[in-house]
Amino acid sequence: MKLKNHLLISLPLSGAVYLLTRSVYSSLACFCMGVFIDLDHIFDYLLYSNFKFSIRGFFDTCNGYKLKKFYLVLHSYEILILSWALYLVSRNKILLGFNIGYTVHLLVDQFANYSKPLTYFFTFRLLNKFENVFEGRKLSPGFKNLKV
């Protein structure tokens, strides 16, 4: 999903987290995870471009699903599950906001992107040698005409 869509989803979501927790830090953690989890795309792009970075090239490559390998180390249900377990033990409000932002980001990506059902499990990508698991997929029906 494109950056502006994650921004538009994360802003009201972080507001809702503030209403739930009454914590600015929890709300900020939610917003940051809703958006900045996508920083892991930079690593994939740098490998693809032989460590030559350009903003235009980055967005054209990532939004066009042109990468040959998808490591996406932060896009991982395994990390998310561990983070929720840590929250259940700690009951930390900041971690709650973090997890809500992380969960919504992954779920929106899961249903809006050209992905196979197991794509956002790091183990699945590892077992598939990080090959392009988005190739040849169509947008999910619920997100096909999303033009936010």
C-alpha atoms as a PDB file:
ATOM      1  CA  MET A   1       0.000   0.000   0.000  1.00  0.00           C
ATOM      2  CA  LYS A   2       1.206   3.490  -0.740  1.00  0.00           C
ATOM      3  CA  LEU A   3       2.650   5.789   1.907  1.00  0.00           C
ATOM      4  CA  LYS A   4      -0.182   8.323   1.740  1.00  0.00           C
ATOM      5  CA  ASN A   5      -2.732   5.573   2.419  1.00  0.00           C
ATOM      6  CA  HIS A   6      -0.821   4.411   5.484  1.00  0.00           C
ATOM      7  CA  LEU A   7      -0.699   8.025   6.671  1.00  0.00           C
ATOM      8  CA  LEU A   8      -4.446   8.459   6.146  1.00  0.00           C
ATOM      9  CA  ILE A   9      -5.203   5.263   8.045  1.00  0.00           C
ATOM     10  CA  SER A  10      -2.681   5.824  10.848  1.00  0.00           C
ATOM     11  CA  LEU A  11      -3.749   9.355  11.737  1.00  0.00           C
ATOM     12  CA  PRO A  12      -7.329   8.593  12.832  1.00  0.00           C
ATOM     13  CA  LEU A  13      -6.232   5.237  14.257  1.00  0.00           C
ATOM     14  CA  SER A  14      -3.688   6.950  16.501  1.00  0.00           C
ATOM     15  CA  GLY A  15      -6.441   9.364  17.583  1.00  0.00           C
ATOM     16  CA  ALA A  16      -8.592   6.398  18.570  1.00  0.00           C
ATOM     17  CA  VAL A  17      -5.657   4.905  20.485  1.00  0.00           C
ATOM     18  CA  TYR A  18      -5.310   8.192  22.366  1.00  0.00           C
ATOM     19  CA  LEU A  19      -8.992   8.049  23.320  1.00  0.00           C
ATOM     20  CA  LEU A  20      -8.536   4.450  24.456  1.00  0.00           C
ATOM     21  CA  THR A  21      -5.324   4.906  26.457  1.00  0.00           C
ATOM     22  CA  ARG A  22      -5.225   8.653  27.240  1.00  0.00           C
ATOM     23  CA  SER A  23      -1.525   8.419  26.378  1.00  0.00           C
ATOM     24  CA  VAL A  24       0.157  10.684  23.834  1.00  0.00           C
ATOM     25  CA  TYR A  25       3.078   8.238  23.722  1.00  0.00           C
ATOM     26  CA  SER A  26       0.811   5.300  22.987  1.00  0.00           C
ATOM     27  CA  SER A  27      -0.868   7.288  20.231  1.00  0.00           C
ATOM     28  CA  LEU A  28       2.504   8.321  18.780  1.00  0.00           C
ATOM     29  CA  ALA A  29       3.738   4.700  18.878  1.00  0.00           C
ATOM     30  CA  CYS A  30       0.620   3.646  16.965  1.00  0.00           C
ATOM     31  CA  PHE A  31       1.125   6.308  14.314  1.00  0.00           C
ATOM     32  CA  CYS A  32       4.832   5.540  13.912  1.00  0.00           C
ATOM     33  CA  MET A  33       4.265   1.807  13.500  1.00  0.00           C
ATOM     34  CA  GLY A  34       1.408   2.429  11.109  1.00  0.00           C
ATOM     35  CA  VAL A  35       3.753   4.326   8.812  1.00  0.00           C
ATOM     36  CA  PHE A  36       7.421   3.673   9.554  1.00  0.00           C
ATOM     37  CA  ILE A  37       7.275  -0.121   9.421  1.00  0.00           C
ATOM     38  CA  ASP A  38       7.721   0.470   5.684  1.00  0.00           C
ATOM     39  CA  LEU A  39      11.318   1.555   6.249  1.00  0.00           C
ATOM     40  CA  ASP A  40      12.246  -2.080   5.675  1.00  0.00           C
ATOM     41  CA  HIS A  41      11.453  -1.521   1.985  1.00  0.00           C
ATOM     42  CA  ILE A  42      14.592   0.639   1.802  1.00  0.00           C
ATOM     43  CA  PHE A  43      16.782  -2.399   2.520  1.00  0.00           C
ATOM     44  CA  ASP A  44      15.091  -4.406  -0.241  1.00  0.00           C
ATOM     45  CA  TYR A  45      15.395  -1.495  -2.683  1.00  0.00           C
ATOM     46  CA  LEU A  46      19.083  -0.972  -1.914  1.00  0.00           C
ATOM     47  CA  LEU A  47      19.805  -4.617  -2.695  1.00  0.00           C
ATOM     48  CA  TYR A  48      17.790  -4.337  -5.918  1.00  0.00           C
ATOM     49  CA  SER A  49      19.533  -1.112  -7.023  1.00  0.00           C
ATOM     50  CA  ASN A  50      23.072  -2.161  -6.070  1.00  0.00           C
ATOM     51  CA  PHE A  51      23.025   0.351  -3.196  1.00  0.00           C
ATOM     52  CA  LYS A  52      22.215   3.331  -5.424  1.00  0.00           C
ATOM     53  CA  PHE A  53      19.380   5.287  -3.861  1.00  0.00           C
ATOM     54  CA  SER A  54      16.979   7.743  -5.433  1.00  0.00           C
ATOM     55  CA  ILE A  55      13.600   8.733  -4.052  1.00  0.00           C
ATOM     56  CA  ARG A  56      11.883   8.412  -7.445  1.00  0.00           C
ATOM     57  CA  GLY A  57      13.520   5.057  -8.128  1.00  0.00           C
ATOM     58  CA  PHE A  58      12.573   3.811  -4.678  1.00  0.00           C
ATOM     59  CA  PHE A  59       8.870   4.641  -5.022  1.00  0.00           C
ATOM     60  CA  ASP A  60       8.658   3.498  -8.665  1.00  0.00           C
ATOM     61  CA  THR A  61      10.298   0.190  -7.836  1.00  0.00           C
ATOM     62  CA  CYS A  62       8.406  -0.565  -4.629  1.00  0.00           C
ATOM     63  CA  ASN A  63       4.980   0.665  -5.733  1.00  0.00           C
ATOM     64  CA  GLY A  64       5.390  -1.180  -9.036  1.00  0.00           C
ATOM     65  CA  TYR A  65       6.298  -4.503  -7.368  1.00  0.00           C
ATOM     66  CA  LYS A  66       9.511  -4.611  -9.416  1.00  0.00           C
ATOM     67  CA  LEU A  67      11.720  -6.100  -6.706  1.00  0.00           C
ATOM     68  CA  LYS A  68      12.966  -9.611  -7.373  1.00  0.00           C
ATOM     69  CA  LYS A  69      13.427 -10.422  -3.669  1.00  0.00           C
ATOM     70  CA  PHE A  70      11.248  -9.389  -0.734  1.00  0.00           C
ATOM     71  CA  TYR A  71      12.961  -9.614   2.650  1.00  0.00           C
ATOM     72  CA  LEU A  72      10.686  -7.091   4.423  1.00  0.00           C
ATOM     73  CA  VAL A  73      12.079  -7.996   7.830  1.00  0.00           C
ATOM     74  CA  LEU A  74       9.586  -5.809   9.727  1.00  0.00           C
ATOM     75  CA  HIS A  75       6.550  -7.106   7.818  1.00  0.00           C
ATOM     76  CA  SER A  76       6.322 -10.229   9.927  1.00  0.00           C
ATOM     77  CA  TYR A  77       3.435 -11.835  11.763  1.00  0.00           C
ATOM     78  CA  GLU A  78       6.023 -13.696  13.845  1.00  0.00           C
ATOM     79  CA  ILE A  79       7.346 -10.411  15.285  1.00  0.00           C
ATOM     80  CA  LEU A  80       3.793  -9.178  15.767  1.00  0.00           C
ATOM     81  CA  ILE A  81       2.815 -12.295  17.742  1.00  0.00           C
ATOM     82  CA  LEU A  82       5.865 -11.922  19.991  1.00  0.00           C
ATOM     83  CA  SER A  83       5.087  -8.245  20.517  1.00  0.00           C
ATOM     84  CA  TRP A  84       1.484  -8.995  21.530  1.00  0.00           C
ATOM     85  CA  ALA A  85       2.761 -11.656  23.952  1.00  0.00           C
ATOM     86  CA  LEU A  86       5.106  -9.094  25.463  1.00  0.00           C
ATOM     87  CA  TYR A  87       2.203  -6.667  25.834  1.00  0.00           C
ATOM     88  CA  LEU A  88       0.078  -9.307  27.578  1.00  0.00           C
ATOM     89  CA  VAL A  89       2.856  -9.759  30.130  1.00  0.00           C
ATOM     90  CA  SER A  90       3.696  -6.063  30.578  1.00  0.00           C
ATOM     91  CA  ARG A  91       0.357  -4.277  29.947  1.00  0.00           C
ATOM     92  CA  ASN A  92       2.441  -1.300  28.777  1.00  0.00           C
ATOM     93  CA  LYS A  93       0.292   1.380  27.102  1.00  0.00           C
ATOM     94  CA  ILE A  94       3.040   2.407  24.679  1.00  0.00           C
ATOM     95  CA  LEU A  95       3.444  -1.205  23.561  1.00  0.00           C
ATOM     96  CA  LEU A  96      -0.322  -1.404  23.129  1.00  0.00           C
ATOM     97  CA  GLY A  97      -0.241   1.573  20.741  1.00  0.00           C
ATOM     98  CA  PHE A  98       2.769   0.079  18.959  1.00  0.00           C
ATOM     99  CA  ASN A  99       0.953  -3.240  18.507  1.00  0.00           C
ATOM    100  CA  ILE A 100      -2.285  -1.671  17.292  1.00  0.00           C
ATOM    101  CA  GLY A 101      -0.410   0.332  14.643  1.00  0.00           C
ATOM    102  CA  TYR A 102       1.654  -2.711  13.668  1.00  0.00           C
ATOM    103  CA  THR A 103      -1.393  -4.989  13.446  1.00  0.00           C
ATOM    104  CA  VAL A 104      -3.432  -2.589  11.331  1.00  0.00           C
ATOM    105  CA  HIS A 105      -0.473  -1.936   9.018  1.00  0.00           C
ATOM    106  CA  LEU A 106       0.078  -5.643   8.369  1.00  0.00           C
ATOM    107  CA  LEU A 107      -3.619  -6.411   7.930  1.00  0.00           C
ATOM    108  CA  VAL A 108      -4.134  -3.524   5.510  1.00  0.00           C
ATOM    109  CA  ASP A 109      -1.055  -4.604   3.541  1.00  0.00           C
ATOM    110  CA  GLN A 110      -2.275  -8.212   3.580  1.00  0.00           C
ATOM    111  CA  PHE A 111      -5.602  -7.308   1.988  1.00  0.00           C
ATOM    112  CA  ALA A 112      -4.598  -4.335  -0.181  1.00  0.00           C
ATOM    113  CA  ASN A 113      -1.400  -5.623  -1.780  1.00  0.00           C
ATOM    114  CA  TYR A 114      -0.796  -8.263  -4.393  1.00  0.00           C
ATOM    115  CA  SER A 115       0.014 -10.926  -1.818  1.00  0.00           C
ATOM    116  CA  LYS A 116      -0.448 -14.600  -1.220  1.00  0.00           C
ATOM    117  CA  PRO A 117      -2.149 -15.568   2.059  1.00  0.00           C
ATOM    118  CA  LEU A 118       1.127 -16.394   3.873  1.00  0.00           C
ATOM    119  CA  THR A 119       3.204 -13.551   2.414  1.00  0.00           C
ATOM    120  CA  TYR A 120       3.512 -11.630   5.677  1.00  0.00           C
ATOM    121  CA  PHE A 121       4.961 -14.565   7.564  1.00  0.00           C
ATOM    122  CA  PHE A 122       8.738 -14.121   7.474  1.00  0.00           C
ATOM    123  CA  THR A 123       9.132 -17.905   7.648  1.00  0.00           C
ATOM    124  CA  PHE A 124       7.091 -18.281   4.442  1.00  0.00           C
ATOM    125  CA  ARG A 125       9.303 -15.775   2.632  1.00  0.00           C
ATOM    126  CA  LEU A 126      12.431 -17.477   3.970  1.00  0.00           C
ATOM    127  CA  LEU A 127      11.253 -20.917   2.811  1.00  0.00           C
ATOM    128  CA  ASN A 128      10.561 -19.394  -0.609  1.00  0.00           C
ATOM    129  CA  LYS A 129      14.055 -17.847  -0.732  1.00  0.00           C
ATOM    130  CA  PHE A 130      12.494 -14.366  -0.543  1.00  0.00           C
ATOM    131  CA  GLU A 131      11.365 -14.670  -4.151  1.00  0.00           C
ATOM    132  CA  ASN A 132       8.799 -12.142  -5.339  1.00  0.00           C
ATOM    133  CA  VAL A 133       5.718 -13.460  -3.564  1.00  0.00           C
ATOM    134  CA  PHE A 134       3.573 -10.679  -5.028  1.00  0.00           C
ATOM    135  CA  GLU A 135       4.096 -11.527  -8.678  1.00  0.00           C
ATOM    136  CA  GLY A 136       1.019 -12.207 -10.747  1.00  0.00           C
ATOM    137  CA  ARG A 137      -1.433 -11.459  -7.972  1.00  0.00           C
ATOM    138  CA  LYS A 138      -4.495  -9.267  -8.276  1.00  0.00           C
ATOM    139  CA  LEU A 139      -5.688  -6.751  -5.735  1.00  0.00           C
ATOM    140  CA  SER A 140      -8.110  -8.068  -3.177  1.00  0.00           C
ATOM    141  CA  PRO A 141     -11.699  -7.256  -4.225  1.00  0.00           C
ATOM    142  CA  GLY A 142     -12.307  -5.027  -1.202  1.00  0.00           C
ATOM    143  CA  PHE A 143      -9.381  -2.784  -2.103  1.00  0.00           C
ATOM    144  CA  LYS A 144      -9.460  -2.925  -5.885  1.00  0.00           C
ATOM    145  CA  ASN A 145     -10.810   0.590  -6.374  1.00  0.00           C
ATOM    146  CA  LEU A 146      -9.227   2.254  -3.335  1.00  0.00           C
ATOM    147  CA  LYS A 147      -7.995   5.656  -4.514  1.00  0.00           C
ATOM    148  CA  VAL A 148      -7.213   7.431  -1.264  1.00  0.00           C
END
